[in-house]
């Protein structure tokens, strides 16, 4: 008979570490200078660096959650130039 720990539902979170060398204020200042989709991407990254989780960053910037994951992957590979 399985114990209570085996019956618990498990949720998996794919937390991707944020790249080093960036911070909220830098990303916010870059977002102020940017336009269009790049501005949104930079604001999403700034939200993540400020401590918001992926869902909060998506909601506060009014973008689909999937885009947050995709943009973060691009940012991890190519830094600011990828956004």
PDB file of N, CA and C in Angstrom:
ATOM      1  N   UNK A   1       0.848  -1.177   0.000  1.00  0.00           N
ATOM      2  CA  UNK A   1       0.000   0.000   0.000  1.00  0.00           C
ATOM      3  C   UNK A   1       0.898   1.247   0.000  1.00  0.00           C
ATOM      4  N   UNK A   2       0.715   2.139  -0.966  1.00  0.00           N
ATOM      5  CA  UNK A   2       1.573   3.320  -1.043  1.00  0.00           C
ATOM      6  C   UNK A   2       1.300   4.285   0.106  1.00  0.00           C
ATOM      7  N   UNK A   3       2.367   4.914   0.564  1.00  0.00           N
ATOM      8  CA  UNK A   3       2.245   5.903   1.630  1.00  0.00           C
ATOM      9  C   UNK A   3       1.743   7.224   1.093  1.00  0.00           C
ATOM     10  N   UNK A   4       1.458   8.181   1.984  1.00  0.00           N
ATOM     11  CA  UNK A   4       0.911   9.474   1.550  1.00  0.00           C
ATOM     12  C   UNK A   4       1.821  10.218   0.585  1.00  0.00           C
ATOM     13  N   UNK A   5       3.129  10.088   0.738  1.00  0.00           N
ATOM     14  CA  UNK A   5       4.049  10.813  -0.146  1.00  0.00           C
ATOM     15  C   UNK A   5       3.922  10.319  -1.585  1.00  0.00           C
ATOM     16  N   UNK A   6       3.607   9.052  -1.744  1.00  0.00           N
ATOM     17  CA  UNK A   6       3.485   8.514  -3.094  1.00  0.00           C
ATOM     18  C   UNK A   6       2.165   8.897  -3.753  1.00  0.00           C
ATOM     19  N   UNK A   7       1.184   9.274  -2.959  1.00  0.00           N
ATOM     20  CA  UNK A   7      -0.115   9.661  -3.503  1.00  0.00           C
ATOM     21  C   UNK A   7      -0.199  11.142  -3.837  1.00  0.00           C
ATOM     22  N   UNK A   8       0.770  11.928  -3.378  1.00  0.00           N
ATOM     23  CA  UNK A   8       0.714  13.364  -3.629  1.00  0.00           C
ATOM     24  C   UNK A   8       0.884  13.658  -5.110  1.00  0.00           C
ATOM     25  N   UNK A   9       0.151  14.651  -5.550  1.00  0.00           N
ATOM     26  CA  UNK A   9       0.311  15.099  -6.935  1.00  0.00           C
ATOM     27  C   UNK A   9       1.603  15.893  -7.017  1.00  0.00           C
ATOM     28  N   UNK A  10       2.318  15.691  -8.063  1.00  0.00           N
ATOM     29  CA  UNK A  10       3.579  16.404  -8.233  1.00  0.00           C
ATOM     30  C   UNK A  10       3.433  17.418  -9.353  1.00  0.00           C
ATOM     31  N   UNK A  11       3.979  18.569  -9.116  1.00  0.00           N
ATOM     32  CA  UNK A  11       4.005  19.563 -10.181  1.00  0.00           C
ATOM     33  C   UNK A  11       5.460  19.840 -10.497  1.00  0.00           C
ATOM     34  N   UNK A  12       5.727  19.971 -11.737  1.00  0.00           N
ATOM     35  CA  UNK A  12       7.096  20.194 -12.174  1.00  0.00           C
ATOM     36  C   UNK A  12       7.226  21.605 -12.714  1.00  0.00           C
ATOM     37  N   UNK A  13       8.205  22.304 -12.240  1.00  0.00           N
ATOM     38  CA  UNK A  13       8.452  23.664 -12.691  1.00  0.00           C
ATOM     39  C   UNK A  13       9.783  23.680 -13.417  1.00  0.00           C
ATOM     40  N   UNK A  14       9.780  24.172 -14.617  1.00  0.00           N
ATOM     41  CA  UNK A  14      10.995  24.241 -15.401  1.00  0.00           C
ATOM     42  C   UNK A  14      11.592  25.629 -15.233  1.00  0.00           C
ATOM     43  N   UNK A  15      12.218  25.823 -14.097  1.00  0.00           N
ATOM     44  CA  UNK A  15      12.807  27.119 -13.800  1.00  0.00           C
ATOM     45  C   UNK A  15      14.166  27.215 -14.465  1.00  0.00           C
ATOM     46  N   UNK A  16      14.287  28.157 -15.331  1.00  0.00           N
ATOM     47  CA  UNK A  16      15.529  28.385 -16.043  1.00  0.00           C
ATOM     48  C   UNK A  16      16.292  29.489 -15.338  1.00  0.00           C
ATOM     49  N   UNK A  17      17.533  29.230 -14.947  1.00  0.00           N
ATOM     50  CA  UNK A  17      18.293  30.298 -14.287  1.00  0.00           C
ATOM     51  C   UNK A  17      18.452  31.514 -15.204  1.00  0.00           C
ATOM     52  N   UNK A  18      18.402  32.681 -14.616  1.00  0.00           N
ATOM     53  CA  UNK A  18      18.584  33.911 -15.382  1.00  0.00           C
ATOM     54  C   UNK A  18      20.072  34.133 -15.621  1.00  0.00           C
ATOM     55  N   UNK A  19      20.432  34.617 -16.800  1.00  0.00           N
ATOM     56  CA  UNK A  19      21.847  34.874 -17.081  1.00  0.00           C
ATOM     57  C   UNK A  19      22.442  35.911 -16.131  1.00  0.00           C
ATOM     58  N   UNK A  20      23.690  35.724 -15.774  1.00  0.00           N
ATOM     59  CA  UNK A  20      24.403  36.673 -14.915  1.00  0.00           C
ATOM     60  C   UNK A  20      24.771  37.918 -15.701  1.00  0.00           C
ATOM     61  N   UNK A  21      25.003  39.007 -14.984  1.00  0.00           N
ATOM     62  CA  UNK A  21      25.463  40.233 -15.610  1.00  0.00           C
ATOM     63  C   UNK A  21      24.372  41.218 -15.980  1.00  0.00           C
ATOM     64  N   UNK A  22      23.139  40.871 -15.682  1.00  0.00           N
ATOM     65  CA  UNK A  22      22.024  41.762 -15.988  1.00  0.00           C
ATOM     66  C   UNK A  22      21.269  42.050 -14.699  1.00  0.00           C
ATOM     67  N   UNK A  23      20.545  43.147 -14.670  1.00  0.00           N
ATOM     68  CA  UNK A  23      19.718  43.464 -13.513  1.00  0.00           C
ATOM     69  C   UNK A  23      18.501  44.267 -13.974  1.00  0.00           C
ATOM     70  N   UNK A  24      17.555  44.402 -13.082  1.00  0.00           N
ATOM     71  CA  UNK A  24      16.272  45.021 -13.412  1.00  0.00           C
ATOM     72  C   UNK A  24      16.424  46.420 -13.995  1.00  0.00           C
ATOM     73  N   UNK A  25      17.216  47.265 -13.348  1.00  0.00           N
ATOM     74  CA  UNK A  25      17.335  48.661 -13.804  1.00  0.00           C
ATOM     75  C   UNK A  25      17.935  48.750 -15.205  1.00  0.00           C
ATOM     76  N   UNK A  26      18.928  47.932 -15.497  1.00  0.00           N
ATOM     77  CA  UNK A  26      19.532  47.921 -16.840  1.00  0.00           C
ATOM     78  C   UNK A  26      18.483  47.541 -17.883  1.00  0.00           C
ATOM     79  N   UNK A  27      17.743  46.483 -17.608  1.00  0.00           N
ATOM     80  CA  UNK A  27      16.736  46.023 -18.565  1.00  0.00           C
ATOM     81  C   UNK A  27      15.597  47.019 -18.719  1.00  0.00           C
ATOM     82  N   UNK A  28      15.189  47.655 -17.626  1.00  0.00           N
ATOM     83  CA  UNK A  28      14.139  48.672 -17.711  1.00  0.00           C
ATOM     84  C   UNK A  28      14.606  49.875 -18.525  1.00  0.00           C
ATOM     85  N   UNK A  29      15.860  50.282 -18.351  1.00  0.00           N
ATOM     86  CA  UNK A  29      16.354  51.433 -19.119  1.00  0.00           C
ATOM     87  C   UNK A  29      16.460  51.086 -20.601  1.00  0.00           C
ATOM     88  N   UNK A  30      16.865  49.861 -20.912  1.00  0.00           N
ATOM     89  CA  UNK A  30      16.914  49.428 -22.313  1.00  0.00           C
ATOM     90  C   UNK A  30      15.504  49.375 -22.901  1.00  0.00           C
ATOM     91  N   UNK A  31      14.527  48.959 -22.082  1.00  0.00           N
ATOM     92  CA  UNK A  31      13.136  48.887 -22.551  1.00  0.00           C
ATOM     93  C   UNK A  31      12.587  50.273 -22.860  1.00  0.00           C
ATOM     94  N   UNK A  32      12.980  51.268 -22.054  1.00  0.00           N
ATOM     95  CA  UNK A  32      12.510  52.636 -22.305  1.00  0.00           C
ATOM     96  C   UNK A  32      13.008  53.160 -23.644  1.00  0.00           C
ATOM     97  N   UNK A  33      14.191  52.722 -24.062  1.00  0.00           N
ATOM     98  CA  UNK A  33      14.772  53.164 -25.327  1.00  0.00           C
ATOM     99  C   UNK A  33      14.231  52.378 -26.518  1.00  0.00           C
ATOM    100  N   UNK A  34      13.695  51.200 -26.270  1.00  0.00           N
ATOM    101  CA  UNK A  34      13.263  50.305 -27.347  1.00  0.00           C
ATOM    102  C   UNK A  34      11.837  50.615 -27.798  1.00  0.00           C
ATOM    103  N   UNK A  35      11.470  50.000 -28.904  1.00  0.00           N
ATOM    104  CA  UNK A  35      10.106  50.134 -29.426  1.00  0.00           C
ATOM    105  C   UNK A  35       9.573  48.753 -29.804  1.00  0.00           C
ATOM    106  N   UNK A  36       8.280  48.670 -29.959  1.00  0.00           N
ATOM    107  CA  UNK A  36       7.637  47.462 -30.454  1.00  0.00           C
ATOM    108  C   UNK A  36       7.842  46.236 -29.582  1.00  0.00           C
ATOM    109  N   UNK A  37       8.037  45.097 -30.251  1.00  0.00           N
ATOM    110  CA  UNK A  37       8.157  43.827 -29.553  1.00  0.00           C
ATOM    111  C   UNK A  37       9.411  43.768 -28.679  1.00  0.00           C
ATOM    112  N   UNK A  38      10.478  44.407 -29.119  1.00  0.00           N
ATOM    113  CA  UNK A  38      11.711  44.412 -28.314  1.00  0.00           C
ATOM    114  C   UNK A  38      11.464  45.061 -26.958  1.00  0.00           C
ATOM    115  N   UNK A  39      10.678  46.119 -26.940  1.00  0.00           N
ATOM    116  CA  UNK A  39      10.348  46.793 -25.687  1.00  0.00           C
ATOM    117  C   UNK A  39       9.631  45.834 -24.744  1.00  0.00           C
ATOM    118  N   UNK A  40       8.675  45.091 -25.274  1.00  0.00           N
ATOM    119  CA  UNK A  40       7.915  44.138 -24.465  1.00  0.00           C
ATOM    120  C   UNK A  40       8.831  43.039 -23.933  1.00  0.00           C
ATOM    121  N   UNK A  41       9.692  42.511 -24.793  1.00  0.00           N
ATOM    122  CA  UNK A  41      10.607  41.451 -24.370  1.00  0.00           C
ATOM    123  C   UNK A  41      11.516  41.925 -23.238  1.00  0.00           C
ATOM    124  N   UNK A  42      12.032  43.131 -23.369  1.00  0.00           N
ATOM    125  CA  UNK A  42      12.912  43.671 -22.329  1.00  0.00           C
ATOM    126  C   UNK A  42      12.153  43.899 -21.024  1.00  0.00           C
ATOM    127  N   UNK A  43      10.914  44.332 -21.125  1.00  0.00           N
ATOM    128  CA  UNK A  43      10.106  44.526 -19.912  1.00  0.00           C
ATOM    129  C   UNK A  43       9.808  43.193 -19.237  1.00  0.00           C
ATOM    130  N   UNK A  44       9.580  42.152 -20.030  1.00  0.00           N
ATOM    131  CA  UNK A  44       9.360  40.818 -19.466  1.00  0.00           C
ATOM    132  C   UNK A  44      10.616  40.347 -18.740  1.00  0.00           C
ATOM    133  N   UNK A  45      11.780  40.523 -19.352  1.00  0.00           N
ATOM    134  CA  UNK A  45      13.033  40.119 -18.709  1.00  0.00           C
ATOM    135  C   UNK A  45      13.254  40.921 -17.421  1.00  0.00           C
ATOM    136  N   UNK A  46      12.944  42.207 -17.445  1.00  0.00           N
ATOM    137  CA  UNK A  46      13.068  43.031 -16.239  1.00  0.00           C
ATOM    138  C   UNK A  46      12.139  42.506 -15.139  1.00  0.00           C
ATOM    139  N   UNK A  47      10.953  42.079 -15.515  1.00  0.00           N
ATOM    140  CA  UNK A  47      10.018  41.506 -14.536  1.00  0.00           C
ATOM    141  C   UNK A  47      10.600  40.250 -13.896  1.00  0.00           C
ATOM    142  N   UNK A  48      11.213  39.402 -14.712  1.00  0.00           N
ATOM    143  CA  UNK A  48      11.812  38.182 -14.176  1.00  0.00           C
ATOM    144  C   UNK A  48      12.963  38.501 -13.232  1.00  0.00           C
ATOM    145  N   UNK A  49      13.789  39.466 -13.608  1.00  0.00           N
ATOM    146  CA  UNK A  49      14.919  39.839 -12.762  1.00  0.00           C
ATOM    147  C   UNK A  49      14.468  40.511 -11.473  1.00  0.00           C
ATOM    148  N   UNK A  50      13.275  41.093 -11.475  1.00  0.00           N
ATOM    149  CA  UNK A  50      12.783  41.733 -10.255  1.00  0.00           C
ATOM    150  C   UNK A  50      12.190  40.713  -9.287  1.00  0.00           C
ATOM    151  N   UNK A  51      12.147  39.450  -9.690  1.00  0.00           N
ATOM    152  CA  UNK A  51      11.690  38.395  -8.794  1.00  0.00           C
ATOM    153  C   UNK A  51      10.344  37.791  -9.123  1.00  0.00           C
ATOM    154  N   UNK A  52       9.710  38.272 -10.169  1.00  0.00           N
ATOM    155  CA  UNK A  52       8.427  37.683 -10.559  1.00  0.00           C
ATOM    156  C   UNK A  52       8.639  36.319 -11.195  1.00  0.00           C
ATOM    157  N   UNK A  53       7.663  35.445 -11.019  1.00  0.00           N
ATOM    158  CA  UNK A  53       7.751  34.169 -11.713  1.00  0.00           C
ATOM    159  C   UNK A  53       7.257  34.356 -13.146  1.00  0.00           C
ATOM    160  N   UNK A  54       7.334  33.304 -13.926  1.00  0.00           N
ATOM    161  CA  UNK A  54       6.997  33.415 -15.348  1.00  0.00           C
ATOM    162  C   UNK A  54       5.556  33.861 -15.569  1.00  0.00           C
ATOM    163  N   UNK A  55       4.634  33.293 -14.792  1.00  0.00           N
ATOM    164  CA  UNK A  55       3.223  33.652 -14.925  1.00  0.00           C
ATOM    165  C   UNK A  55       2.962  35.112 -14.589  1.00  0.00           C
ATOM    166  N   UNK A  56       3.600  35.594 -13.526  1.00  0.00           N
ATOM    167  CA  UNK A  56       3.438  37.005 -13.149  1.00  0.00           C
ATOM    168  C   UNK A  56       3.999  37.918 -14.231  1.00  0.00           C
ATOM    169  N   UNK A  57       5.168  37.571 -14.771  1.00  0.00           N
ATOM    170  CA  UNK A  57       5.779  38.392 -15.826  1.00  0.00           C
ATOM    171  C   UNK A  57       4.880  38.442 -17.053  1.00  0.00           C
ATOM    172  N   UNK A  58       4.288  37.307 -17.411  1.00  0.00           N
ATOM    173  CA  UNK A  58       3.386  37.264 -18.567  1.00  0.00           C
ATOM    174  C   UNK A  58       2.151  38.116 -18.317  1.00  0.00           C
ATOM    175  N   UNK A  59       1.578  37.965 -17.133  1.00  0.00           N
ATOM    176  CA  UNK A  59       0.346  38.687 -16.821  1.00  0.00           C
ATOM    177  C   UNK A  59       0.575  40.193 -16.763  1.00  0.00           C
ATOM    178  N   UNK A  60       1.641  40.631 -16.090  1.00  0.00           N
ATOM    179  CA  UNK A  60       1.842  42.075 -15.940  1.00  0.00           C
ATOM    180  C   UNK A  60       2.221  42.749 -17.259  1.00  0.00           C
ATOM    181  N   UNK A  61       2.766  41.970 -18.197  1.00  0.00           N
ATOM    182  CA  UNK A  61       3.127  42.532 -19.501  1.00  0.00           C
ATOM    183  C   UNK A  61       2.138  42.143 -20.591  1.00  0.00           C
ATOM    184  N   UNK A  62       1.066  41.449 -20.198  1.00  0.00           N
ATOM    185  CA  UNK A  62      -0.019  41.058 -21.101  1.00  0.00           C
ATOM    186  C   UNK A  62       0.472  40.309 -22.331  1.00  0.00           C
ATOM    187  N   UNK A  63       1.273  39.268 -22.075  1.00  0.00           N
ATOM    188  CA  UNK A  63       1.776  38.412 -23.155  1.00  0.00           C
ATOM    189  C   UNK A  63       1.487  36.959 -22.791  1.00  0.00           C
ATOM    190  N   UNK A  64       1.422  36.079 -23.788  1.00  0.00           N
ATOM    191  CA  UNK A  64       1.217  34.658 -23.498  1.00  0.00           C
ATOM    192  C   UNK A  64       2.404  34.080 -22.716  1.00  0.00           C
ATOM    193  N   UNK A  65       2.121  33.169 -21.812  1.00  0.00           N
ATOM    194  CA  UNK A  65       3.160  32.545 -21.004  1.00  0.00           C
ATOM    195  C   UNK A  65       4.198  31.845 -21.874  1.00  0.00           C
ATOM    196  N   UNK A  66       3.762  31.237 -22.946  1.00  0.00           N
ATOM    197  CA  UNK A  66       4.695  30.558 -23.849  1.00  0.00           C
ATOM    198  C   UNK A  66       5.741  31.496 -24.413  1.00  0.00           C
ATOM    199  N   UNK A  67       5.340  32.735 -24.684  1.00  0.00           N
ATOM    200  CA  UNK A  67       6.300  33.719 -25.195  1.00  0.00           C
ATOM    201  C   UNK A  67       7.383  34.021 -24.169  1.00  0.00           C
ATOM    202  N   UNK A  68       6.997  34.057 -22.893  1.00  0.00           N
ATOM    203  CA  UNK A  68       7.989  34.317 -21.841  1.00  0.00           C
ATOM    204  C   UNK A  68       9.071  33.242 -21.877  1.00  0.00           C
ATOM    205  N   UNK A  69       8.663  31.979 -21.980  1.00  0.00           N
ATOM    206  CA  UNK A  69       9.628  30.882 -22.043  1.00  0.00           C
ATOM    207  C   UNK A  69      10.520  30.992 -23.283  1.00  0.00           C
ATOM    208  N   UNK A  70       9.918  31.289 -24.421  1.00  0.00           N
ATOM    209  CA  UNK A  70      10.687  31.397 -25.664  1.00  0.00           C
ATOM    210  C   UNK A  70      11.677  32.555 -25.610  1.00  0.00           C
ATOM    211  N   UNK A  71      11.226  33.697 -25.110  1.00  0.00           N
ATOM    212  CA  UNK A  71      12.103  34.865 -25.045  1.00  0.00           C
ATOM    213  C   UNK A  71      13.243  34.653 -24.066  1.00  0.00           C
ATOM    214  N   UNK A  72      12.951  33.979 -22.949  1.00  0.00           N
ATOM    215  CA  UNK A  72      14.009  33.698 -21.988  1.00  0.00           C
ATOM    216  C   UNK A  72      15.056  32.766 -22.600  1.00  0.00           C
ATOM    217  N   UNK A  73      14.605  31.782 -23.355  1.00  0.00           N
ATOM    218  CA  UNK A  73      15.549  30.877 -24.023  1.00  0.00           C
ATOM    219  C   UNK A  73      16.423  31.661 -25.003  1.00  0.00           C
ATOM    220  N   UNK A  74      15.816  32.562 -25.775  1.00  0.00           N
ATOM    221  CA  UNK A  74      16.588  33.395 -26.700  1.00  0.00           C
ATOM    222  C   UNK A  74      17.580  34.273 -25.934  1.00  0.00           C
ATOM    223  N   UNK A  75      17.129  34.846 -24.841  1.00  0.00           N
ATOM    224  CA  UNK A  75      17.966  35.733 -24.022  1.00  0.00           C
ATOM    225  C   UNK A  75      19.144  34.968 -23.438  1.00  0.00           C
ATOM    226  N   UNK A  76      18.902  33.740 -22.988  1.00  0.00           N
ATOM    227  CA  UNK A  76      19.986  32.916 -22.438  1.00  0.00           C
ATOM    228  C   UNK A  76      21.025  32.606 -23.502  1.00  0.00           C
ATOM    229  N   UNK A  77      20.592  32.391 -24.742  1.00  0.00           N
ATOM    230  CA  UNK A  77      21.533  32.063 -25.818  1.00  0.00           C
ATOM    231  C   UNK A  77      22.281  33.279 -26.351  1.00  0.00           C
ATOM    232  N   UNK A  78      21.567  34.417 -26.474  1.00  0.00           N
ATOM    233  CA  UNK A  78      22.167  35.534 -27.175  1.00  0.00           C
ATOM    234  C   UNK A  78      22.205  36.860 -26.446  1.00  0.00           C
ATOM    235  N   UNK A  79      21.811  36.903 -25.175  1.00  0.00           N
ATOM    236  CA  UNK A  79      21.838  38.141 -24.418  1.00  0.00           C
ATOM    237  C   UNK A  79      20.899  39.193 -24.990  1.00  0.00           C
ATOM    238  N   UNK A  80      21.232  40.434 -24.769  1.00  0.00           N
ATOM    239  CA  UNK A  80      20.373  41.544 -25.216  1.00  0.00           C
ATOM    240  C   UNK A  80      20.182  41.549 -26.726  1.00  0.00           C
ATOM    241  N   UNK A  81      21.200  41.155 -27.453  1.00  0.00           N
ATOM    242  CA  UNK A  81      21.112  41.154 -28.921  1.00  0.00           C
ATOM    243  C   UNK A  81      20.030  40.210 -29.426  1.00  0.00           C
ATOM    244  N   UNK A  82      19.724  39.162 -28.667  1.00  0.00           N
ATOM    245  CA  UNK A  82      18.715  38.191 -29.082  1.00  0.00           C
ATOM    246  C   UNK A  82      17.297  38.723 -28.911  1.00  0.00           C
ATOM    247  N   UNK A  83      17.156  39.787 -28.158  1.00  0.00           N
ATOM    248  CA  UNK A  83      15.829  40.343 -27.943  1.00  0.00           C
ATOM    249  C   UNK A  83      15.602  41.452 -28.945  1.00  0.00           C
TER     250      UNK A  83
END
